[in-house]
C-alpha atoms as a PDB file:
ATOM      1  CA  MET A   1     -82.403  22.464  37.961  1.00  0.00           C
ATOM      2  CA  PRO A   2     -84.391  23.839  40.935  1.00  0.00           C
ATOM      3  CA  GLU A   3     -88.110  24.117  40.401  1.00  0.00           C
ATOM      4  CA  TYR A   4     -90.242  27.217  40.834  1.00  0.00           C
ATOM      5  CA  PRO A   5     -91.953  27.992  43.119  1.00  0.00           C
ATOM      6  CA  SER A   6     -89.453  27.091  45.803  1.00  0.00           C
ATOM      7  CA  TYR A   7     -91.851  25.029  47.898  1.00  0.00           C
ATOM      8  CA  LEU A   8     -91.860  22.380  45.166  1.00  0.00           C
ATOM      9  CA  ASN A   9     -88.217  21.673  45.979  1.00  0.00           C
ATOM     10  CA  ALA A  10     -89.014  21.683  49.704  1.00  0.00           C
ATOM     11  CA  PHE A  11     -91.849  19.250  49.039  1.00  0.00           C
ATOM     12  CA  GLU A  12     -89.610  16.879  47.084  1.00  0.00           C
ATOM     13  CA  SER A  13     -86.797  17.025  49.651  1.00  0.00           C
ATOM     14  CA  GLY A  14     -89.078  16.522  52.639  1.00  0.00           C
ATOM     15  CA  LYS A  15     -88.258  19.917  54.113  1.00  0.00           C
ATOM     16  CA  LEU A  16     -91.812  21.176  53.716  1.00  0.00           C
ATOM     17  CA  LYS A  17     -93.256  18.243  55.637  1.00  0.00           C
ATOM     18  CA  GLU A  18     -90.593  18.514  58.332  1.00  0.00           C
ATOM     19  CA  THR A  19     -91.189  22.234  58.789  1.00  0.00           C
ATOM     20  CA  ALA A  20     -94.972  21.855  58.754  1.00  0.00           C
ATOM     21  CA  CYS A  21     -94.871  19.144  61.421  1.00  0.00           C
ATOM     22  CA  ARG A  22     -92.346  21.013  63.557  1.00  0.00           C
ATOM     23  CA  LEU A  23     -94.403  24.207  63.593  1.00  0.00           C
ATOM     24  CA  PHE A  24     -97.690  22.387  64.125  1.00  0.00           C
ATOM     25  CA  ASP A  25     -96.273  20.473  67.082  1.00  0.00           C
ATOM     26  CA  SER A  26     -95.059  23.776  68.539  1.00  0.00           C
ATOM     27  CA  LEU A  27     -98.691  24.852  68.932  1.00  0.00           C
ATOM     28  CA  GLY A  28     -98.694  22.684  72.062  1.00  0.00           C
ATOM     29  CA  SER A  29     -96.982  25.649  73.726  1.00  0.00           C
ATOM     30  CA  CYS A  30     -97.545  28.368  71.199  1.00  0.00           C
ATOM     31  CA  ALA A  31     -94.671  30.721  70.425  1.00  0.00           C
ATOM     32  CA  ILE A  32     -95.429  31.123  66.728  1.00  0.00           C
ATOM     33  CA  CYS A  33     -95.288  34.921  67.027  1.00  0.00           C
ATOM     34  CA  PRO A  34     -93.732  37.469  69.389  1.00  0.00           C
ATOM     35  CA  ARG A  35     -96.683  37.192  71.788  1.00  0.00           C
ATOM     36  CA  ASN A  36     -95.295  33.868  73.094  1.00  0.00           C
ATOM     37  CA  CYS A  37     -98.619  33.026  74.718  1.00  0.00           C
ATOM     38  CA  LYS A  38     -97.464  29.444  75.485  1.00  0.00           C
ATOM     39  CA  VAL A  39    -101.031  28.101  75.402  1.00  0.00           C
ATOM     40  CA  ASN A  40    -101.797  24.604  74.143  1.00  0.00           C
ATOM     41  CA  ARG A  41    -103.582  25.318  70.898  1.00  0.00           C
ATOM     42  CA  LEU A  42    -103.571  21.622  70.019  1.00  0.00           C
ATOM     43  CA  GLU A  43    -106.209  21.332  72.755  1.00  0.00           C
ATOM     44  CA  ASN A  44    -107.969  24.446  71.448  1.00  0.00           C
ATOM     45  CA  LYS A  45    -106.714  26.657  74.240  1.00  0.00           C
ATOM     46  CA  THR A  46    -106.382  30.208  72.959  1.00  0.00           C
ATOM     47  CA  GLY A  47    -104.113  33.175  73.582  1.00  0.00           C
ATOM     48  CA  PHE A  48    -104.076  36.692  72.173  1.00  0.00           C
ATOM     49  CA  CYS A  49    -105.110  35.683  68.645  1.00  0.00           C
ATOM     50  CA  LYS A  50    -108.001  33.544  69.927  1.00  0.00           C
ATOM     51  CA  SER A  51    -107.091  30.790  67.441  1.00  0.00           C
ATOM     52  CA  GLY A  52    -107.001  27.111  68.287  1.00  0.00           C
ATOM     53  CA  LYS A  53    -105.997  23.968  66.438  1.00  0.00           C
ATOM     54  CA  LEU A  54    -107.526  24.804  63.052  1.00  0.00           C
ATOM     55  CA  ALA A  55    -107.231  27.904  60.901  1.00  0.00           C
ATOM     56  CA  LYS A  56    -110.348  29.999  60.437  1.00  0.00           C
ATOM     57  CA  VAL A  57    -110.955  31.551  56.996  1.00  0.00           C
ATOM     58  CA  TYR A  58    -113.230  34.519  56.348  1.00  0.00           C
ATOM     59  CA  SER A  59    -113.139  34.498  52.555  1.00  0.00           C
ATOM     60  CA  PHE A  60    -111.111  33.643  49.479  1.00  0.00           C
ATOM     61  CA  PHE A  61    -111.321  35.003  45.955  1.00  0.00           C
ATOM     62  CA  CYS A  62    -109.407  36.246  42.931  1.00  0.00           C
ATOM     63  CA  HIS A  63    -108.231  39.706  44.018  1.00  0.00           C
ATOM     64  CA  HIS A  64    -107.497  42.409  41.446  1.00  0.00           C
ATOM     65  CA  GLY A  65    -106.824  45.259  43.879  1.00  0.00           C
ATOM     66  CA  GLU A  66    -103.358  44.414  45.187  1.00  0.00           C
ATOM     67  CA  GLU A  67    -100.154  46.021  43.915  1.00  0.00           C
ATOM     68  CA  PRO A  68     -99.895  45.481  40.137  1.00  0.00           C
ATOM     69  CA  PRO A  69     -97.056  42.915  40.302  1.00  0.00           C
ATOM     70  CA  VAL A  70     -99.125  40.838  42.752  1.00  0.00           C
ATOM     71  CA  SER A  71    -102.548  41.042  41.093  1.00  0.00           C
ATOM     72  CA  GLY A  72    -101.247  41.031  37.519  1.00  0.00           C
ATOM     73  CA  SER A  73    -103.833  40.563  34.787  1.00  0.00           C
ATOM     74  CA  LYS A  74    -105.567  37.489  36.228  1.00  0.00           C
ATOM     75  CA  GLY A  75    -105.703  38.393  39.914  1.00  0.00           C
ATOM     76  CA  SER A  76    -104.135  37.183  43.126  1.00  0.00           C
ATOM     77  CA  GLY A  77    -105.577  34.098  44.824  1.00  0.00           C
ATOM     78  CA  THR A  78    -106.296  35.749  48.143  1.00  0.00           C
ATOM     79  CA  ILE A  79    -107.184  33.910  51.346  1.00  0.00           C
ATOM     80  CA  PHE A  80    -108.306  36.134  54.224  1.00  0.00           C
ATOM     81  CA  PHE A  81    -107.626  34.377  57.516  1.00  0.00           C
ATOM     82  CA  SER A  82    -109.725  35.262  60.549  1.00  0.00           C
ATOM     83  CA  ARG A  83    -108.150  36.561  63.739  1.00  0.00           C
ATOM     84  CA  CYS A  84    -104.789  38.286  64.063  1.00  0.00           C
ATOM     85  CA  ASN A  85    -101.834  38.602  66.423  1.00  0.00           C
ATOM     86  CA  MET A  86    -102.199  42.397  66.411  1.00  0.00           C
ATOM     87  CA  GLY A  87    -104.928  44.547  67.914  1.00  0.00           C
ATOM     88  CA  CYS A  88    -105.050  47.596  65.651  1.00  0.00           C
ATOM     89  CA  VAL A  89    -107.684  50.025  66.903  1.00  0.00           C
ATOM     90  CA  TYR A  90    -108.277  51.269  63.338  1.00  0.00           C
ATOM     91  CA  CYS A  91    -108.452  47.889  61.561  1.00  0.00           C
ATOM     92  CA  GLN A  92    -110.715  47.981  58.511  1.00  0.00           C
ATOM     93  CA  ASN A  93    -111.105  44.189  58.659  1.00  0.00           C
ATOM     94  CA  TYR A  94    -112.041  44.070  62.345  1.00  0.00           C
ATOM     95  CA  GLU A  95    -115.178  41.971  61.723  1.00  0.00           C
ATOM     96  CA  PHE A  96    -113.001  38.961  61.040  1.00  0.00           C
ATOM     97  CA  SER A  97    -109.533  39.977  62.253  1.00  0.00           C
ATOM     98  CA  GLN A  98    -110.733  40.821  65.769  1.00  0.00           C
ATOM     99  CA  LEU A  99    -114.337  39.681  66.065  1.00  0.00           C
ATOM    100  CA  GLY A 100    -113.624  36.325  64.444  1.00  0.00           C
ATOM    101  CA  ALA A 101    -116.127  36.099  61.592  1.00  0.00           C
ATOM    102  CA  GLY A 102    -115.493  33.089  59.350  1.00  0.00           C
ATOM    103  CA  ARG A 103    -115.297  29.347  59.858  1.00  0.00           C
ATOM    104  CA  GLU A 104    -112.657  26.769  60.640  1.00  0.00           C
ATOM    105  CA  TYR A 105    -111.113  24.839  57.756  1.00  0.00           C
ATOM    106  CA  THR A 106    -109.469  21.442  57.980  1.00  0.00           C
ATOM    107  CA  PHE A 107    -106.085  20.994  56.308  1.00  0.00           C
ATOM    108  CA  GLU A 108    -107.804  19.186  53.461  1.00  0.00           C
ATOM    109  CA  GLU A 109    -110.337  21.983  52.975  1.00  0.00           C
ATOM    110  CA  LEU A 110    -107.633  24.640  53.007  1.00  0.00           C
ATOM    111  CA  ALA A 111    -105.615  22.672  50.456  1.00  0.00           C
ATOM    112  CA  GLU A 112    -108.705  22.538  48.227  1.00  0.00           C
ATOM    113  CA  VAL A 113    -109.066  26.323  48.506  1.00  0.00           C
ATOM    114  CA  MET A 114    -105.495  26.743  47.234  1.00  0.00           C
ATOM    115  CA  LEU A 115    -106.146  24.392  44.330  1.00  0.00           C
ATOM    116  CA  LYS A 116    -109.432  26.090  43.513  1.00  0.00           C
ATOM    117  CA  LEU A 117    -107.722  29.502  43.321  1.00  0.00           C
ATOM    118  CA  GLN A 118    -105.072  28.026  41.044  1.00  0.00           C
ATOM    119  CA  GLY A 119    -107.822  26.552  38.889  1.00  0.00           C
ATOM    120  CA  MET A 120    -109.363  30.021  38.587  1.00  0.00           C
ATOM    121  CA  GLY A 121    -106.150  31.187  36.913  1.00  0.00           C
ATOM    122  CA  CYS A 122    -104.769  33.236  39.807  1.00  0.00           C
ATOM    123  CA  HIS A 123    -101.092  34.148  39.608  1.00  0.00           C
ATOM    124  CA  ASN A 124    -100.319  33.229  43.208  1.00  0.00           C
ATOM    125  CA  ILE A 125    -101.703  32.168  46.581  1.00  0.00           C
ATOM    126  CA  ASN A 126    -101.935  35.336  48.670  1.00  0.00           C
ATOM    127  CA  LEU A 127    -101.959  34.482  52.378  1.00  0.00           C
ATOM    128  CA  VAL A 128    -103.449  37.500  54.186  1.00  0.00           C
ATOM    129  CA  THR A 129    -102.667  37.648  57.925  1.00  0.00           C
ATOM    130  CA  PRO A 130    -101.017  34.213  57.997  1.00  0.00           C
ATOM    131  CA  THR A 131     -98.762  34.615  61.050  1.00  0.00           C
ATOM    132  CA  HIS A 132    -100.915  32.997  63.730  1.00  0.00           C
ATOM    133  CA  VAL A 133    -101.995  30.092  61.493  1.00  0.00           C
ATOM    134  CA  LEU A 134     -98.722  29.422  59.687  1.00  0.00           C
ATOM    135  CA  PRO A 135     -98.466  25.809  60.949  1.00  0.00           C
ATOM    136  CA  GLN A 136    -101.922  25.017  59.577  1.00  0.00           C
ATOM    137  CA  ILE A 137    -101.105  26.707  56.261  1.00  0.00           C
ATOM    138  CA  LEU A 138     -97.981  24.590  55.808  1.00  0.00           C
ATOM    139  CA  GLN A 139     -99.908  21.401  56.593  1.00  0.00           C
ATOM    140  CA  ALA A 140    -102.397  22.340  53.896  1.00  0.00           C
ATOM    141  CA  LEU A 141     -99.612  23.307  51.487  1.00  0.00           C
ATOM    142  CA  GLN A 142     -98.061  19.875  51.907  1.00  0.00           C
ATOM    143  CA  LEU A 143    -101.347  18.308  50.824  1.00  0.00           C
ATOM    144  CA  ALA A 144    -101.884  20.763  47.969  1.00  0.00           C
ATOM    145  CA  CYS A 145     -98.392  20.096  46.574  1.00  0.00           C
ATOM    146  CA  GLY A 146     -99.222  16.434  46.280  1.00  0.00           C
ATOM    147  CA  ARG A 147    -102.317  17.368  44.284  1.00  0.00           C
ATOM    148  CA  GLY A 148    -100.639  19.661  41.785  1.00  0.00           C
ATOM    149  CA  LEU A 149    -100.316  23.127  43.331  1.00  0.00           C
ATOM    150  CA  LYS A 150     -97.631  25.035  41.430  1.00  0.00           C
ATOM    151  CA  ILE A 151     -98.148  28.798  41.843  1.00  0.00           C
ATOM    152  CA  PRO A 152     -96.037  30.852  44.288  1.00  0.00           C
ATOM    153  CA  LEU A 153     -96.965  31.913  47.796  1.00  0.00           C
ATOM    154  CA  VAL A 154     -97.310  35.549  48.846  1.00  0.00           C
ATOM    155  CA  TYR A 155     -96.745  35.945  52.587  1.00  0.00           C
ATOM    156  CA  ASN A 156     -98.916  39.019  53.204  1.00  0.00           C
ATOM    157  CA  THR A 157     -98.370  39.975  56.831  1.00  0.00           C
ATOM    158  CA  GLY A 158     -98.930  42.809  59.264  1.00  0.00           C
ATOM    159  CA  GLY A 159     -95.271  42.395  60.103  1.00  0.00           C
ATOM    160  CA  TYR A 160     -95.452  41.364  63.767  1.00  0.00           C
ATOM    161  CA  GLU A 161     -93.305  38.307  63.223  1.00  0.00           C
ATOM    162  CA  SER A 162     -90.609  36.260  64.903  1.00  0.00           C
ATOM    163  CA  ALA A 163     -87.471  36.240  62.751  1.00  0.00           C
ATOM    164  CA  GLU A 164     -86.721  32.744  64.054  1.00  0.00           C
ATOM    165  CA  VAL A 165     -90.004  31.469  62.623  1.00  0.00           C
ATOM    166  CA  ILE A 166     -89.511  33.355  59.357  1.00  0.00           C
ATOM    167  CA  LYS A 167     -86.131  31.609  58.995  1.00  0.00           C
ATOM    168  CA  LEU A 168     -88.010  28.309  58.739  1.00  0.00           C
ATOM    169  CA  LEU A 169     -89.756  29.587  55.605  1.00  0.00           C
ATOM    170  CA  ASP A 170     -86.490  29.893  53.697  1.00  0.00           C
ATOM    171  CA  GLY A 171     -86.935  27.821  50.549  1.00  0.00           C
ATOM    172  CA  ILE A 172     -90.729  27.741  50.922  1.00  0.00           C
ATOM    173  CA  VAL A 173     -91.933  31.322  50.407  1.00  0.00           C
ATOM    174  CA  ASP A 174     -90.847  33.245  47.293  1.00  0.00           C
ATOM    175  CA  ILE A 175     -92.716  36.517  47.816  1.00  0.00           C
ATOM    176  CA  TYR A 176     -92.885  38.479  51.048  1.00  0.00           C
ATOM    177  CA  LEU A 177     -95.349  41.365  51.397  1.00  0.00           C
ATOM    178  CA  PRO A 178     -94.947  42.667  54.969  1.00  0.00           C
ATOM    179  CA  ASP A 179     -96.181  45.861  56.546  1.00  0.00           C
ATOM    180  CA  MET A 180     -93.746  48.138  58.291  1.00  0.00           C
ATOM    181  CA  ARG A 181     -96.338  49.945  60.323  1.00  0.00           C
ATOM    182  CA  TYR A 182     -94.612  51.743  63.189  1.00  0.00           C
ATOM    183  CA  ALA A 183     -91.240  53.124  64.174  1.00  0.00           C
ATOM    184  CA  ASP A 184     -92.144  54.025  67.748  1.00  0.00           C
ATOM    185  CA  SER A 185     -92.914  51.467  70.459  1.00  0.00           C
ATOM    186  CA  GLU A 186     -95.246  53.745  72.412  1.00  0.00           C
ATOM    187  CA  VAL A 187     -97.362  54.330  69.318  1.00  0.00           C
ATOM    188  CA  SER A 188     -97.461  50.634  68.420  1.00  0.00           C
ATOM    189  CA  LYS A 189     -98.456  49.809  71.986  1.00  0.00           C
ATOM    190  CA  LYS A 190    -101.271  52.349  71.955  1.00  0.00           C
ATOM    191  CA  LEU A 191    -102.637  51.658  68.488  1.00  0.00           C
ATOM    192  CA  SER A 192    -101.922  47.925  68.054  1.00  0.00           C
ATOM    193  CA  LEU A 193    -101.266  46.549  71.556  1.00  0.00           C
ATOM    194  CA  ALA A 194     -97.732  45.605  70.523  1.00  0.00           C
ATOM    195  CA  ALA A 195     -95.042  47.696  72.197  1.00  0.00           C
ATOM    196  CA  ASP A 196     -92.245  45.548  70.779  1.00  0.00           C
ATOM    197  CA  TYR A 197     -93.538  45.728  67.197  1.00  0.00           C
ATOM    198  CA  PRO A 198     -90.726  47.925  65.795  1.00  0.00           C
ATOM    199  CA  ARG A 199     -87.960  45.606  67.004  1.00  0.00           C
ATOM    200  CA  TYR A 200     -89.572  42.368  65.873  1.00  0.00           C
ATOM    201  CA  ASN A 201     -90.780  43.909  62.629  1.00  0.00           C
ATOM    202  CA  GLN A 202     -87.345  45.140  61.638  1.00  0.00           C
ATOM    203  CA  GLU A 203     -85.665  41.828  62.494  1.00  0.00           C
ATOM    204  CA  ALA A 204     -88.246  39.864  60.512  1.00  0.00           C
ATOM    205  CA  VAL A 205     -88.086  42.107  57.438  1.00  0.00           C
ATOM    206  CA  LYS A 206     -84.301  41.851  57.396  1.00  0.00           C
ATOM    207  CA  GLU A 207     -84.624  38.061  57.421  1.00  0.00           C
ATOM    208  CA  MET A 208     -87.183  38.155  54.619  1.00  0.00           C
ATOM    209  CA  TYR A 209     -84.815  40.241  52.523  1.00  0.00           C
ATOM    210  CA  ARG A 210     -81.932  37.862  53.290  1.00  0.00           C
ATOM    211  CA  GLN A 211     -83.991  35.012  51.876  1.00  0.00           C
ATOM    212  CA  VAL A 212     -85.497  36.509  48.733  1.00  0.00           C
ATOM    213  CA  GLY A 213     -83.738  39.826  48.086  1.00  0.00           C
ATOM    214  CA  THR A 214     -84.994  42.694  45.987  1.00  0.00           C
ATOM    215  CA  ALA A 215     -88.209  42.029  44.057  1.00  0.00           C
ATOM    216  CA  LYS A 216     -87.737  40.495  40.620  1.00  0.00           C
ATOM    217  CA  PHE A 217     -90.373  40.578  37.886  1.00  0.00           C
ATOM    218  CA  ASP A 218     -91.159  38.709  34.695  1.00  0.00           C
ATOM    219  CA  ALA A 219     -91.654  40.295  31.282  1.00  0.00           C
ATOM    220  CA  ASP A 220     -95.290  41.066  32.154  1.00  0.00           C
ATOM    221  CA  GLY A 221     -94.347  42.920  35.334  1.00  0.00           C
ATOM    222  CA  LEU A 222     -95.523  40.093  37.617  1.00  0.00           C
ATOM    223  CA  ILE A 223     -93.419  39.502  40.711  1.00  0.00           C
ATOM    224  CA  ARG A 224     -91.660  36.141  40.747  1.00  0.00           C
ATOM    225  CA  ARG A 225     -89.577  36.456  43.870  1.00  0.00           C
ATOM    226  CA  GLY A 226     -88.565  39.075  46.379  1.00  0.00           C
ATOM    227  CA  LEU A 227     -89.664  41.587  48.996  1.00  0.00           C
ATOM    228  CA  ILE A 228     -92.237  44.373  48.706  1.00  0.00           C
ATOM    229  CA  ILE A 229     -92.742  46.469  51.849  1.00  0.00           C
ATOM    230  CA  ARG A 230     -96.083  48.114  52.552  1.00  0.00           C
ATOM    231  CA  HIS A 231     -96.273  51.269  54.630  1.00  0.00           C
ATOM    232  CA  LEU A 232     -99.626  52.765  55.622  1.00  0.00           C
ATOM    233  CA  VAL A 233     -99.251  56.489  56.255  1.00  0.00           C
ATOM    234  CA  LEU A 234    -101.220  57.455  59.376  1.00  0.00           C
ATOM    235  CA  PRO A 235    -102.405  60.931  60.402  1.00  0.00           C
ATOM    236  CA  ASN A 236    -100.166  63.138  62.526  1.00  0.00           C
ATOM    237  CA  ARG A 237     -97.031  61.169  61.554  1.00  0.00           C
ATOM    238  CA  ALA A 238     -98.098  58.314  63.846  1.00  0.00           C
ATOM    239  CA  SER A 239     -96.499  55.687  61.608  1.00  0.00           C
ATOM    240  CA  GLY A 240     -93.018  57.217  61.803  1.00  0.00           C
ATOM    241  CA  THR A 241     -92.473  57.255  58.049  1.00  0.00           C
ATOM    242  CA  ASP A 242     -89.170  59.100  58.289  1.00  0.00           C
ATOM    243  CA  LYS A 243     -87.559  56.533  60.618  1.00  0.00           C
ATOM    244  CA  ILE A 244     -88.933  53.557  58.703  1.00  0.00           C
ATOM    245  CA  MET A 245     -87.709  54.786  55.338  1.00  0.00           C
ATOM    246  CA  ARG A 246     -84.305  55.548  56.786  1.00  0.00           C
ATOM    247  CA  PHE A 247     -84.176  52.004  58.186  1.00  0.00           C
ATOM    248  CA  ILE A 248     -85.076  50.543  54.784  1.00  0.00           C
ATOM    249  CA  ALA A 249     -82.455  52.646  53.014  1.00  0.00           C
ATOM    250  CA  GLU A 250     -79.709  51.864  55.529  1.00  0.00           C
ATOM    251  CA  GLU A 251     -80.501  48.338  56.760  1.00  0.00           C
ATOM    252  CA  ILE A 252     -82.298  46.692  53.821  1.00  0.00           C
ATOM    253  CA  SER A 253     -81.550  48.220  50.407  1.00  0.00           C
ATOM    254  CA  LYS A 254     -82.234  51.421  48.527  1.00  0.00           C
ATOM    255  CA  ASP A 255     -83.508  49.194  45.716  1.00  0.00           C
ATOM    256  CA  THR A 256     -86.346  47.927  47.915  1.00  0.00           C
ATOM    257  CA  TYR A 257     -89.821  48.142  46.408  1.00  0.00           C
ATOM    258  CA  ILE A 258     -92.219  50.028  48.656  1.00  0.00           C
ATOM    259  CA  SER A 259     -95.988  50.400  48.496  1.00  0.00           C
ATOM    260  CA  LEU A 260     -96.779  53.754  50.089  1.00  0.00           C
ATOM    261  CA  MET A 261    -100.419  53.590  51.126  1.00  0.00           C
ATOM    262  CA  SER A 262    -102.667  56.610  51.605  1.00  0.00           C
ATOM    263  CA  GLN A 263    -106.064  54.977  52.025  1.00  0.00           C
ATOM    264  CA  TYR A 264    -106.259  55.217  55.824  1.00  0.00           C
ATOM    265  CA  LEU A 265    -109.767  55.694  57.220  1.00  0.00           C
ATOM    266  CA  PRO A 266    -110.728  55.768  60.927  1.00  0.00           C
ATOM    267  CA  TYR A 267    -112.385  52.362  61.204  1.00  0.00           C
ATOM    268  CA  HIS A 268    -113.304  50.304  64.264  1.00  0.00           C
ATOM    269  CA  LYS A 269    -112.257  52.079  67.502  1.00  0.00           C
ATOM    270  CA  ALA A 270    -110.292  54.938  65.924  1.00  0.00           C
ATOM    271  CA  ARG A 271    -112.855  57.523  67.013  1.00  0.00           C
ATOM    272  CA  ALA A 272    -111.549  57.095  70.574  1.00  0.00           C
ATOM    273  CA  TYR A 273    -108.069  58.232  69.476  1.00  0.00           C
ATOM    274  CA  PRO A 274    -108.131  61.906  68.462  1.00  0.00           C
ATOM    275  CA  GLU A 275    -104.767  61.785  66.703  1.00  0.00           C
ATOM    276  CA  ILE A 276    -106.040  59.264  64.130  1.00  0.00           C
ATOM    277  CA  ASN A 277    -109.778  60.028  64.121  1.00  0.00           C
ATOM    278  CA  ARG A 278    -109.787  61.486  60.609  1.00  0.00           C
ATOM    279  CA  ARG A 279    -108.736  60.760  57.068  1.00  0.00           C
ATOM    280  CA  LEU A 280    -105.183  61.350  55.998  1.00  0.00           C
ATOM    281  CA  LYS A 281    -104.569  64.855  54.675  1.00  0.00           C
ATOM    282  CA  LYS A 282    -103.129  65.300  51.221  1.00  0.00           C
ATOM    283  CA  GLU A 283    -100.151  67.236  52.567  1.00  0.00           C
ATOM    284  CA  GLU A 284     -99.346  64.376  54.961  1.00  0.00           C
ATOM    285  CA  TYR A 285     -99.146  61.934  52.100  1.00  0.00           C
ATOM    286  CA  GLU A 286     -97.121  64.370  50.018  1.00  0.00           C
ATOM    287  CA  GLU A 287     -94.680  64.634  52.916  1.00  0.00           C
ATOM    288  CA  ALA A 288     -94.353  60.838  52.988  1.00  0.00           C
ATOM    289  CA  LYS A 289     -93.556  60.848  49.271  1.00  0.00           C
ATOM    290  CA  ARG A 290     -90.829  63.437  49.857  1.00  0.00           C
ATOM    291  CA  ILE A 291     -89.363  61.254  52.596  1.00  0.00           C
ATOM    292  CA  LEU A 292     -88.962  58.421  50.069  1.00  0.00           C
ATOM    293  CA  GLU A 293     -87.174  60.795  47.725  1.00  0.00           C
ATOM    294  CA  ASP A 294     -84.961  62.166  50.503  1.00  0.00           C
ATOM    295  CA  ASN A 295     -83.863  58.623  51.366  1.00  0.00           C
ATOM    296  CA  ASP A 296     -83.149  57.801  47.712  1.00  0.00           C
ATOM    297  CA  LEU A 297     -85.820  55.100  47.569  1.00  0.00           C
ATOM    298  CA  PRO A 298     -87.058  55.243  43.969  1.00  0.00           C
ATOM    299  CA  ASN A 299     -88.801  51.886  43.579  1.00  0.00           C
ATOM    300  CA  GLY A 300     -92.419  51.219  44.320  1.00  0.00           C
ATOM    301  CA  TRP A 301     -95.961  52.461  44.108  1.00  0.00           C
ATOM    302  CA  ILE A 302     -97.752  55.621  45.134  1.00  0.00           C
ATOM    303  CA  GLN A 303    -101.396  56.561  44.739  1.00  0.00           C
ATOM    304  CA  GLU A 304    -102.141  57.901  41.260  1.00  0.00           C
ATOM    305  CA  SER A 305    -104.733  60.202  42.765  1.00  0.00           C
ATOM    306  CA  TYR A 306    -104.937  60.871  46.467  1.00  0.00           C
ATOM    307  CA  GLY A 307    -107.308  58.597  48.343  1.00  0.00           C
ATOM    308  CA  SER A 308    -107.725  56.052  45.551  1.00  0.00           C
ATOM    309  CA  GLU A 309    -106.579  52.454  45.591  1.00  0.00           C
ATOM    310  CA  ARG A 310    -105.012  52.682  42.159  1.00  0.00           C
ATOM    311  CA  PHE A 311    -101.261  52.327  42.076  1.00  0.00           C
ATOM    312  CA  ALA A 312     -98.621  53.871  39.878  1.00  0.00           C
ATOM    313  CA  GLY A 313     -95.575  51.627  39.529  1.00  0.00           C
ATOM    314  CA  VAL A 314     -92.074  52.758  38.699  1.00  0.00           C
ATOM    315  CA  ASN A 315     -88.795  51.098  37.709  1.00  0.00           C
ATOM    316  CA  ILE A 316     -90.106  47.572  37.224  1.00  0.00           C
ATOM    317  CA  LYS A 317     -87.327  45.708  35.458  1.00  0.00           C
ATOM    318  CA  PRO A 318     -87.985  42.150  34.225  1.00  0.00           C
ATOM    319  CA  VAL A 319     -85.466  39.451  35.073  1.00  0.00           C
END
């Protein structure tokens, strides 16, 4: 009988090692994300994400503030990676995502972090902004498997992904937690320096859904496998909520679980962009909620009270 999480099977079959080595070798001419910088990161040359041979980590801890099925009762074992392949002008984590705070971790050190989080009782290993350091993560995962890691991975991404790379994670990742941030290429270019974000994002999310399907939960409401899509509602309809929800309903599934996020604040460089240089208005978030209803998307989480980070879940059905 197949083991859970899926990477245990990939470890036993050799697929995990093969994939880890293949992706790590590809850093010699990096095309790990849609940027396709083609720099030799194995020699510590850097492209857009300013990351070299080793992954840099800002922090790791047991996180209780994620969506309820991710945090559960014991918390999510969250690893915040430094740097990013996006350049969001409003990023709340800019100190490490763009300015690079943190330190480099060897594969062995990163494996020990995973094992430490498991030892703390965390439900999962939550990889935050993993895209640009995926090869290093898989190298560390290979080591951690050999030392007893046995809790699932959450691939928690901003969503600027190559579907071809995501395909390589089939049978390794059980839980995908991607953003769907923009529907319009001009907006994504202006606010995140990624004009092709909508196209790559949609292709990658479709591949994630192909692999793991609709989110499935245990009797305690903890996610075991599947896709949860995050959507941050931006002021002045900048995120294109209507188009994104229509895409989810028509191209993914109306059963998709969605985390509709209202906690936008104008961090970092947002003051230079008048259209997003303010908090989200209550009526803007209420409009986003109506868009979910209009597209017959009943599953997910909304803010219990506007502006809070508390989530109200609906329709969680245990497997």
